[in-house]
Amino acid sequence: MQRKVERISEQLKQIISSWSGIEAIVLGEAAEARILDPYFTISLDVYHDSRLPTSDDRKQHFTNPAAFDTLPAFTEDRFLLEELPVKIRYQATERVDFMLKRIAEQQWIFHDADTYLFYRLLHGQVLHKQTSWLDQTRKTLSAMPDHFWRAIQNGARISAAYYLNDLRAAVYRGDNLFYVFSLSHFLRSLCSFLFAVNRTFEPSARLIAERVRDLPRLPDGFGGRFESMLRDDPELPPERKREIAELLVKSILPMA
């Protein structure tokens, strides 16, 4: 890790860990990119078991950084510190524990196939841990039950089929905007399915295209078809991409 990034991460850790109820602080892999990389950010996940300081108090704790903004509904702060982008997500340990309990009891309803929350928790660099909570949670995430992965697969497969129908409709109507929306959602659902088949939590959306290609279990012909869906090429008009999308859906059915 670059020295400036390491120093700022340590500075933030010292500030946040002094607050009441902070259980763990984890640094995301976006901080490993080069500073000039547009995907670079110092991304922290802060796990807590009590009320956080208010957004105004947090801003003061961070010594009034530039461009400070907060998303109340998601309890997320974004700002610039020494001209570097910082994003801090605050996660209640109670929420994580509840999700894992519901999964263990086969009672959680999967509204979204995205497993990025678990990915960050499992793979982030640990900057601070107060108790054994993080270690125990990571142990649980490393051995998720079969029914969890099946539920993710089924949800993602159904979503892919749903968005394929939208894609067909958009192509038929010549609706360019809805076509883009449908294609994006289709590809995301397709990738979610493949990560679940491989029992792998999804990384950041910025890394999905790179990581999905390296999964050990992929349908025959996936590489070429996937690349065709991503290319902007006059030889690949919407009608042709619709055909390729249908082939991709057919190719994943035997994997379900």
C-alpha atoms as a PDB file:
ATOM      1  CA  MET A   1       0.000   0.000   0.000  1.00  0.00           C
ATOM      2  CA  GLN A   2       1.247   3.474  -0.820  1.00  0.00           C
ATOM      3  CA  ARG A   3       2.618   5.342   2.176  1.00  0.00           C
ATOM      4  CA  LYS A   4       0.204   8.264   1.956  1.00  0.00           C
ATOM      5  CA  VAL A   5      -2.755   5.908   1.754  1.00  0.00           C
ATOM      6  CA  GLU A   6      -1.433   3.882   4.666  1.00  0.00           C
ATOM      7  CA  ARG A   7      -0.925   7.001   6.770  1.00  0.00           C
ATOM      8  CA  ILE A   8      -4.406   8.392   6.070  1.00  0.00           C
ATOM      9  CA  SER A   9      -5.999   4.988   6.711  1.00  0.00           C
ATOM     10  CA  GLU A  10      -4.210   4.773  10.042  1.00  0.00           C
ATOM     11  CA  GLN A  11      -5.291   8.325  10.902  1.00  0.00           C
ATOM     12  CA  LEU A  12      -8.931   7.493  10.162  1.00  0.00           C
ATOM     13  CA  LYS A  13      -8.694   4.260  12.118  1.00  0.00           C
ATOM     14  CA  GLN A  14      -7.382   6.085  15.185  1.00  0.00           C
ATOM     15  CA  ILE A  15     -10.241   8.599  15.027  1.00  0.00           C
ATOM     16  CA  ILE A  16     -13.049   6.113  14.435  1.00  0.00           C
ATOM     17  CA  SER A  17     -11.847   3.446  16.871  1.00  0.00           C
ATOM     18  CA  SER A  18     -11.996   6.018  19.679  1.00  0.00           C
ATOM     19  CA  TRP A  19     -15.790   6.273  19.313  1.00  0.00           C
ATOM     20  CA  SER A  20     -18.027   4.235  21.578  1.00  0.00           C
ATOM     21  CA  GLY A  21     -19.248   0.892  20.277  1.00  0.00           C
ATOM     22  CA  ILE A  22     -16.864   0.455  17.334  1.00  0.00           C
ATOM     23  CA  GLU A  23     -16.418  -3.266  16.779  1.00  0.00           C
ATOM     24  CA  ALA A  24     -14.224  -3.431  13.672  1.00  0.00           C
ATOM     25  CA  ILE A  25     -12.796  -1.347  10.825  1.00  0.00           C
ATOM     26  CA  VAL A  26     -12.000  -2.915   7.458  1.00  0.00           C
ATOM     27  CA  LEU A  27     -10.220  -1.322   4.486  1.00  0.00           C
ATOM     28  CA  GLY A  28     -11.551  -2.111   1.020  1.00  0.00           C
ATOM     29  CA  GLU A  29      -9.407  -3.231  -1.890  1.00  0.00           C
ATOM     30  CA  ALA A  30     -10.068  -0.041  -3.868  1.00  0.00           C
ATOM     31  CA  ALA A  31      -7.307   1.502  -1.736  1.00  0.00           C
ATOM     32  CA  GLU A  32      -4.818  -0.900  -3.331  1.00  0.00           C
ATOM     33  CA  ALA A  33      -5.153   0.749  -6.741  1.00  0.00           C
ATOM     34  CA  ARG A  34      -2.737   3.456  -7.820  1.00  0.00           C
ATOM     35  CA  ILE A  35      -3.776   6.904  -6.616  1.00  0.00           C
ATOM     36  CA  LEU A  36      -4.199   8.128 -10.207  1.00  0.00           C
ATOM     37  CA  ASP A  37      -6.479   5.212 -11.051  1.00  0.00           C
ATOM     38  CA  PRO A  38     -10.069   6.562 -11.358  1.00  0.00           C
ATOM     39  CA  TYR A  39     -11.252   3.547  -9.338  1.00  0.00           C
ATOM     40  CA  PHE A  40      -9.030   4.459  -6.393  1.00  0.00           C
ATOM     41  CA  THR A  41     -10.652   5.385  -3.105  1.00  0.00           C
ATOM     42  CA  ILE A  42      -9.916   4.872   0.568  1.00  0.00           C
ATOM     43  CA  SER A  43     -12.983   2.822   1.387  1.00  0.00           C
ATOM     44  CA  LEU A  44     -13.656   1.823   4.985  1.00  0.00           C
ATOM     45  CA  ASP A  45     -16.365  -0.388   6.433  1.00  0.00           C
ATOM     46  CA  VAL A  46     -17.000   0.459  10.070  1.00  0.00           C
ATOM     47  CA  TYR A  47     -18.922  -2.119  12.120  1.00  0.00           C
ATOM     48  CA  HIS A  48     -20.531  -0.805  15.288  1.00  0.00           C
ATOM     49  CA  ASP A  49     -22.945  -1.911  17.994  1.00  0.00           C
ATOM     50  CA  SER A  50     -24.255   1.409  19.262  1.00  0.00           C
ATOM     51  CA  ARG A  51     -25.315   4.834  18.038  1.00  0.00           C
ATOM     52  CA  LEU A  52     -22.816   6.719  15.922  1.00  0.00           C
ATOM     53  CA  PRO A  53     -21.840  10.362  16.345  1.00  0.00           C
ATOM     54  CA  THR A  54     -23.999  12.678  14.245  1.00  0.00           C
ATOM     55  CA  SER A  55     -22.828  13.600  10.756  1.00  0.00           C
ATOM     56  CA  ASP A  56     -21.795  17.057  11.999  1.00  0.00           C
ATOM     57  CA  ASP A  57     -19.778  15.529  14.831  1.00  0.00           C
ATOM     58  CA  ARG A  58     -18.175  13.032  12.472  1.00  0.00           C
ATOM     59  CA  LYS A  59     -17.162  15.869  10.157  1.00  0.00           C
ATOM     60  CA  GLN A  60     -15.469  17.634  13.055  1.00  0.00           C
ATOM     61  CA  HIS A  61     -13.726  14.438  14.135  1.00  0.00           C
ATOM     62  CA  PHE A  62     -12.325  14.165  10.604  1.00  0.00           C
ATOM     63  CA  THR A  63     -10.972  17.733  10.988  1.00  0.00           C
ATOM     64  CA  ASN A  64     -13.477  19.274   8.563  1.00  0.00           C
ATOM     65  CA  PRO A  65     -12.415  17.525   5.357  1.00  0.00           C
ATOM     66  CA  ALA A  66     -13.172  18.967   1.927  1.00  0.00           C
ATOM     67  CA  ALA A  67     -16.397  18.135   0.058  1.00  0.00           C
ATOM     68  CA  PHE A  68     -17.905  16.310   3.031  1.00  0.00           C
ATOM     69  CA  ASP A  69     -21.199  14.648   2.180  1.00  0.00           C
ATOM     70  CA  THR A  70     -23.279  12.053   3.970  1.00  0.00           C
ATOM     71  CA  LEU A  71     -26.040   9.682   2.917  1.00  0.00           C
ATOM     72  CA  PRO A  72     -28.315   9.422   5.969  1.00  0.00           C
ATOM     73  CA  ALA A  73     -30.407   6.501   4.749  1.00  0.00           C
ATOM     74  CA  PHE A  74     -27.274   4.414   4.173  1.00  0.00           C
ATOM     75  CA  THR A  75     -25.138   5.976   6.929  1.00  0.00           C
ATOM     76  CA  GLU A  76     -22.256   6.671   4.590  1.00  0.00           C
ATOM     77  CA  ASP A  77     -19.759   9.528   4.561  1.00  0.00           C
ATOM     78  CA  ARG A  78     -17.796  10.723   1.533  1.00  0.00           C
ATOM     79  CA  PHE A  79     -15.122  13.399   1.523  1.00  0.00           C
ATOM     80  CA  LEU A  80     -11.634  14.384   0.402  1.00  0.00           C
ATOM     81  CA  LEU A  81      -8.691  14.132   2.749  1.00  0.00           C
ATOM     82  CA  GLU A  82      -5.397  15.544   1.486  1.00  0.00           C
ATOM     83  CA  GLU A  83      -7.052  15.495  -1.960  1.00  0.00           C
ATOM     84  CA  LEU A  84      -7.697  11.747  -1.792  1.00  0.00           C
ATOM     85  CA  PRO A  85     -11.279  10.390  -2.004  1.00  0.00           C
ATOM     86  CA  VAL A  86     -12.571   8.698   1.135  1.00  0.00           C
ATOM     87  CA  LYS A  87     -15.757   6.651   1.538  1.00  0.00           C
ATOM     88  CA  ILE A  88     -16.834   5.310   4.918  1.00  0.00           C
ATOM     89  CA  ARG A  89     -19.777   2.926   5.297  1.00  0.00           C
ATOM     90  CA  TYR A  90     -21.208   2.336   8.761  1.00  0.00           C
ATOM     91  CA  GLN A  91     -22.708  -1.099   9.354  1.00  0.00           C
ATOM     92  CA  ALA A  92     -24.517  -2.183  12.522  1.00  0.00           C
ATOM     93  CA  THR A  93     -23.241  -5.544  13.777  1.00  0.00           C
ATOM     94  CA  GLU A  94     -26.814  -6.347  14.784  1.00  0.00           C
ATOM     95  CA  ARG A  95     -27.907  -6.154  11.145  1.00  0.00           C
ATOM     96  CA  VAL A  96     -25.115  -8.479   9.996  1.00  0.00           C
ATOM     97  CA  ASP A  97     -25.853 -10.947  12.801  1.00  0.00           C
ATOM     98  CA  PHE A  98     -29.565 -10.881  11.953  1.00  0.00           C
ATOM     99  CA  MET A  99     -28.889 -11.579   8.275  1.00  0.00           C
ATOM    100  CA  LEU A 100     -26.635 -14.535   9.087  1.00  0.00           C
ATOM    101  CA  LYS A 101     -29.157 -15.892  11.595  1.00  0.00           C
ATOM    102  CA  ARG A 102     -31.955 -15.728   9.034  1.00  0.00           C
ATOM    103  CA  ILE A 103     -29.734 -17.452   6.471  1.00  0.00           C
ATOM    104  CA  ALA A 104     -28.868 -20.231   8.924  1.00  0.00           C
ATOM    105  CA  GLU A 105     -32.571 -20.744   9.647  1.00  0.00           C
ATOM    106  CA  GLN A 106     -33.447 -20.696   5.925  1.00  0.00           C
ATOM    107  CA  GLN A 107     -35.843 -17.827   6.608  1.00  0.00           C
ATOM    108  CA  TRP A 108     -34.201 -14.910   4.824  1.00  0.00           C
ATOM    109  CA  ILE A 109     -36.011 -13.688   1.714  1.00  0.00           C
ATOM    110  CA  PHE A 110     -33.480 -12.701  -0.935  1.00  0.00           C
ATOM    111  CA  HIS A 111     -34.638  -9.436  -2.427  1.00  0.00           C
ATOM    112  CA  ASP A 112     -31.324  -8.961  -4.192  1.00  0.00           C
ATOM    113  CA  ALA A 113     -28.702 -11.455  -5.367  1.00  0.00           C
ATOM    114  CA  ASP A 114     -25.896  -8.999  -4.646  1.00  0.00           C
ATOM    115  CA  THR A 115     -23.485 -10.382  -1.996  1.00  0.00           C
ATOM    116  CA  TYR A 116     -21.057  -7.459  -2.015  1.00  0.00           C
ATOM    117  CA  LEU A 117     -21.658  -6.699   1.690  1.00  0.00           C
ATOM    118  CA  PHE A 118     -20.381 -10.154   2.612  1.00  0.00           C
ATOM    119  CA  TYR A 119     -17.485  -9.838   0.160  1.00  0.00           C
ATOM    120  CA  ARG A 120     -16.240  -6.666   1.860  1.00  0.00           C
ATOM    121  CA  LEU A 121     -16.605  -8.166   5.302  1.00  0.00           C
ATOM    122  CA  LEU A 122     -14.711 -11.313   4.380  1.00  0.00           C
ATOM    123  CA  HIS A 123     -11.931  -9.946   2.181  1.00  0.00           C
ATOM    124  CA  GLY A 124     -11.167  -6.432   3.445  1.00  0.00           C
ATOM    125  CA  GLN A 125      -7.937  -5.598   5.238  1.00  0.00           C
ATOM    126  CA  VAL A 126      -8.502  -5.488   8.983  1.00  0.00           C
ATOM    127  CA  LEU A 127      -7.416  -2.192  10.509  1.00  0.00           C
ATOM    128  CA  HIS A 128      -9.093  -2.617  13.886  1.00  0.00           C
ATOM    129  CA  LYS A 129     -11.062  -5.243  15.798  1.00  0.00           C
ATOM    130  CA  GLN A 130     -12.315  -4.829  19.326  1.00  0.00           C
ATOM    131  CA  THR A 131     -13.471  -8.375  20.090  1.00  0.00           C
ATOM    132  CA  SER A 132     -13.697 -11.734  18.346  1.00  0.00           C
ATOM    133  CA  TRP A 133     -16.867 -10.662  16.472  1.00  0.00           C
ATOM    134  CA  LEU A 134     -15.102 -10.093  13.144  1.00  0.00           C
ATOM    135  CA  ASP A 135     -13.192 -13.389  13.300  1.00  0.00           C
ATOM    136  CA  GLN A 136     -16.350 -15.323  14.146  1.00  0.00           C
ATOM    137  CA  THR A 137     -18.320 -13.608  11.392  1.00  0.00           C
ATOM    138  CA  ARG A 138     -15.621 -14.329   8.841  1.00  0.00           C
ATOM    139  CA  LYS A 139     -15.587 -17.960   9.920  1.00  0.00           C
ATOM    140  CA  THR A 140     -19.331 -18.132   9.265  1.00  0.00           C
ATOM    141  CA  LEU A 141     -18.996 -16.448   5.869  1.00  0.00           C
ATOM    142  CA  SER A 142     -16.269 -18.908   4.860  1.00  0.00           C
ATOM    143  CA  ALA A 143     -18.663 -21.845   5.257  1.00  0.00           C
ATOM    144  CA  MET A 144     -22.024 -20.655   3.976  1.00  0.00           C
ATOM    145  CA  PRO A 145     -24.612 -23.459   3.648  1.00  0.00           C
ATOM    146  CA  ASP A 146     -25.702 -24.992   0.377  1.00  0.00           C
ATOM    147  CA  HIS A 147     -29.212 -23.546   0.605  1.00  0.00           C
ATOM    148  CA  PHE A 148     -27.768 -20.019   0.693  1.00  0.00           C
ATOM    149  CA  TRP A 149     -25.959 -20.455  -2.612  1.00  0.00           C
ATOM    150  CA  ARG A 150     -28.983 -22.178  -4.163  1.00  0.00           C
ATOM    151  CA  ALA A 151     -31.202 -19.255  -3.178  1.00  0.00           C
ATOM    152  CA  ILE A 152     -28.758 -16.781  -4.722  1.00  0.00           C
ATOM    153  CA  GLN A 153     -28.552 -18.868  -7.899  1.00  0.00           C
ATOM    154  CA  ASN A 154     -32.323 -19.140  -8.239  1.00  0.00           C
ATOM    155  CA  GLY A 155     -32.884 -15.445  -7.632  1.00  0.00           C
ATOM    156  CA  ALA A 156     -30.197 -14.440 -10.125  1.00  0.00           C
ATOM    157  CA  ARG A 157     -31.408 -16.943 -12.751  1.00  0.00           C
ATOM    158  CA  ILE A 158     -34.984 -15.693 -12.495  1.00  0.00           C
ATOM    159  CA  SER A 159     -33.769 -12.082 -12.716  1.00  0.00           C
ATOM    160  CA  ALA A 160     -31.688 -12.864 -15.806  1.00  0.00           C
ATOM    161  CA  ALA A 161     -34.729 -14.403 -17.514  1.00  0.00           C
ATOM    162  CA  TYR A 162     -36.872 -11.425 -16.504  1.00  0.00           C
ATOM    163  CA  TYR A 163     -34.419  -8.890 -17.901  1.00  0.00           C
ATOM    164  CA  LEU A 164     -33.978 -10.962 -21.052  1.00  0.00           C
ATOM    165  CA  ASN A 165     -37.694 -10.477 -21.694  1.00  0.00           C
ATOM    166  CA  ASP A 166     -37.229  -6.737 -21.162  1.00  0.00           C
ATOM    167  CA  LEU A 167     -34.314  -6.828 -23.583  1.00  0.00           C
ATOM    168  CA  ARG A 168     -36.465  -8.517 -26.217  1.00  0.00           C
ATOM    169  CA  ALA A 169     -39.189  -5.913 -25.768  1.00  0.00           C
ATOM    170  CA  ALA A 170     -36.731  -3.013 -25.980  1.00  0.00           C
ATOM    171  CA  VAL A 171     -35.194  -4.390 -29.181  1.00  0.00           C
ATOM    172  CA  TYR A 172     -38.617  -4.965 -30.729  1.00  0.00           C
ATOM    173  CA  ARG A 173     -39.773  -1.432 -29.873  1.00  0.00           C
ATOM    174  CA  GLY A 174     -36.455   0.199 -30.761  1.00  0.00           C
ATOM    175  CA  ASP A 175     -36.350   1.774 -27.286  1.00  0.00           C
ATOM    176  CA  ASN A 176     -32.665   2.613 -26.914  1.00  0.00           C
ATOM    177  CA  LEU A 177     -32.773   3.790 -23.300  1.00  0.00           C
ATOM    178  CA  PHE A 178     -34.773   0.813 -22.032  1.00  0.00           C
ATOM    179  CA  TYR A 179     -32.445  -1.427 -24.036  1.00  0.00           C
ATOM    180  CA  VAL A 180     -29.433  -0.059 -22.140  1.00  0.00           C
ATOM    181  CA  PHE A 181     -31.219  -0.470 -18.793  1.00  0.00           C
ATOM    182  CA  SER A 182     -32.284  -4.025 -19.601  1.00  0.00           C
ATOM    183  CA  LEU A 183     -28.879  -5.051 -20.922  1.00  0.00           C
ATOM    184  CA  SER A 184     -27.149  -3.728 -17.803  1.00  0.00           C
ATOM    185  CA  HIS A 185     -29.511  -5.532 -15.425  1.00  0.00           C
ATOM    186  CA  PHE A 186     -29.286  -8.704 -17.482  1.00  0.00           C
ATOM    187  CA  LEU A 187     -25.500  -8.794 -17.351  1.00  0.00           C
ATOM    188  CA  ARG A 188     -25.480  -8.092 -13.622  1.00  0.00           C
ATOM    189  CA  SER A 189     -27.928 -10.932 -12.954  1.00  0.00           C
ATOM    190  CA  LEU A 190     -25.960 -13.275 -15.190  1.00  0.00           C
ATOM    191  CA  CYS A 191     -22.745 -12.522 -13.318  1.00  0.00           C
ATOM    192  CA  SER A 192     -24.491 -12.898  -9.936  1.00  0.00           C
ATOM    193  CA  PHE A 193     -25.584 -16.369 -10.989  1.00  0.00           C
ATOM    194  CA  LEU A 194     -22.069 -17.381 -11.984  1.00  0.00           C
ATOM    195  CA  PHE A 195     -20.528 -16.096  -8.759  1.00  0.00           C
ATOM    196  CA  ALA A 196     -23.119 -18.071  -6.784  1.00  0.00           C
ATOM    197  CA  VAL A 197     -22.500 -21.239  -8.801  1.00  0.00           C
ATOM    198  CA  ASN A 198     -18.841 -20.868  -7.871  1.00  0.00           C
ATOM    199  CA  ARG A 199     -19.724 -20.155  -4.210  1.00  0.00           C
ATOM    200  CA  THR A 200     -18.014 -16.794  -4.389  1.00  0.00           C
ATOM    201  CA  PHE A 201     -19.223 -13.486  -3.013  1.00  0.00           C
ATOM    202  CA  GLU A 202     -19.461 -10.699  -5.583  1.00  0.00           C
ATOM    203  CA  PRO A 203     -16.778  -8.002  -5.612  1.00  0.00           C
ATOM    204  CA  SER A 204     -17.405  -4.335  -6.355  1.00  0.00           C
ATOM    205  CA  ALA A 205     -19.271  -3.737  -9.601  1.00  0.00           C
ATOM    206  CA  ARG A 206     -16.071  -2.133 -10.869  1.00  0.00           C
ATOM    207  CA  LEU A 207     -14.303  -5.500 -10.636  1.00  0.00           C
ATOM    208  CA  ILE A 208     -17.027  -7.880 -11.778  1.00  0.00           C
ATOM    209  CA  ALA A 209     -16.007  -7.965 -15.459  1.00  0.00           C
ATOM    210  CA  GLU A 210     -12.445  -8.835 -14.491  1.00  0.00           C
ATOM    211  CA  ARG A 211     -13.265 -11.412 -11.807  1.00  0.00           C
ATOM    212  CA  VAL A 212     -16.109 -13.240 -13.526  1.00  0.00           C
ATOM    213  CA  ARG A 213     -13.791 -14.292 -16.353  1.00  0.00           C
ATOM    214  CA  ASP A 214     -11.515 -16.036 -13.842  1.00  0.00           C
ATOM    215  CA  LEU A 215     -14.191 -18.158 -12.175  1.00  0.00           C
ATOM    216  CA  PRO A 216     -13.390 -21.885 -12.430  1.00  0.00           C
ATOM    217  CA  ARG A 217     -16.919 -22.938 -13.457  1.00  0.00           C
ATOM    218  CA  LEU A 218     -18.244 -21.147 -16.522  1.00  0.00           C
ATOM    219  CA  PRO A 219     -20.598 -22.331 -19.293  1.00  0.00           C
ATOM    220  CA  ASP A 220     -19.149 -23.357 -22.628  1.00  0.00           C
ATOM    221  CA  GLY A 221     -18.525 -20.415 -24.900  1.00  0.00           C
ATOM    222  CA  PHE A 222     -19.010 -17.899 -22.114  1.00  0.00           C
ATOM    223  CA  GLY A 223     -15.843 -15.883 -22.731  1.00  0.00           C
ATOM    224  CA  GLY A 224     -16.580 -14.971 -26.335  1.00  0.00           C
ATOM    225  CA  ARG A 225     -20.269 -14.314 -25.769  1.00  0.00           C
ATOM    226  CA  PHE A 226     -19.615 -12.181 -22.707  1.00  0.00           C
ATOM    227  CA  GLU A 227     -17.058 -10.088 -24.579  1.00  0.00           C
ATOM    228  CA  SER A 228     -19.522  -9.624 -27.437  1.00  0.00           C
ATOM    229  CA  MET A 229     -22.133  -8.287 -25.011  1.00  0.00           C
ATOM    230  CA  LEU A 230     -19.663  -5.707 -23.723  1.00  0.00           C
ATOM    231  CA  ARG A 231     -18.322  -4.530 -27.091  1.00  0.00           C
ATOM    232  CA  ASP A 232     -19.598  -1.452 -28.853  1.00  0.00           C
ATOM    233  CA  ASP A 233     -19.405  -2.716 -32.410  1.00  0.00           C
ATOM    234  CA  PRO A 234     -21.519  -1.981 -35.529  1.00  0.00           C
ATOM    235  CA  GLU A 235     -21.458  -5.713 -36.196  1.00  0.00           C
ATOM    236  CA  LEU A 236     -23.165  -6.309 -32.844  1.00  0.00           C
ATOM    237  CA  PRO A 237     -26.441  -4.345 -33.053  1.00  0.00           C
ATOM    238  CA  PRO A 238     -29.131  -4.770 -30.367  1.00  0.00           C
ATOM    239  CA  GLU A 239     -30.839  -7.602 -32.260  1.00  0.00           C
ATOM    240  CA  ARG A 240     -27.595  -9.596 -32.366  1.00  0.00           C
ATOM    241  CA  LYS A 241     -26.914  -8.968 -28.678  1.00  0.00           C
ATOM    242  CA  ARG A 242     -30.436 -10.126 -27.889  1.00  0.00           C
ATOM    243  CA  GLU A 243     -29.623 -13.407 -29.654  1.00  0.00           C
ATOM    244  CA  ILE A 244     -26.383 -13.756 -27.696  1.00  0.00           C
ATOM    245  CA  ALA A 245     -28.206 -13.035 -24.425  1.00  0.00           C
ATOM    246  CA  GLU A 246     -30.618 -15.880 -25.187  1.00  0.00           C
ATOM    247  CA  LEU A 247     -27.680 -18.215 -25.802  1.00  0.00           C
ATOM    248  CA  LEU A 248     -26.120 -17.175 -22.516  1.00  0.00           C
ATOM    249  CA  VAL A 249     -29.313 -17.921 -20.601  1.00  0.00           C
ATOM    250  CA  LYS A 250     -29.609 -21.340 -22.247  1.00  0.00           C
ATOM    251  CA  SER A 251     -25.972 -22.082 -21.407  1.00  0.00           C
ATOM    252  CA  ILE A 252     -26.402 -21.478 -17.672  1.00  0.00           C
ATOM    253  CA  LEU A 253     -29.552 -23.578 -17.235  1.00  0.00           C
ATOM    254  CA  PRO A 254     -27.654 -26.900 -16.874  1.00  0.00           C
ATOM    255  CA  MET A 255     -25.559 -25.286 -14.108  1.00  0.00           C
ATOM    256  CA  ALA A 256     -28.571 -24.439 -11.930  1.00  0.00           C
END
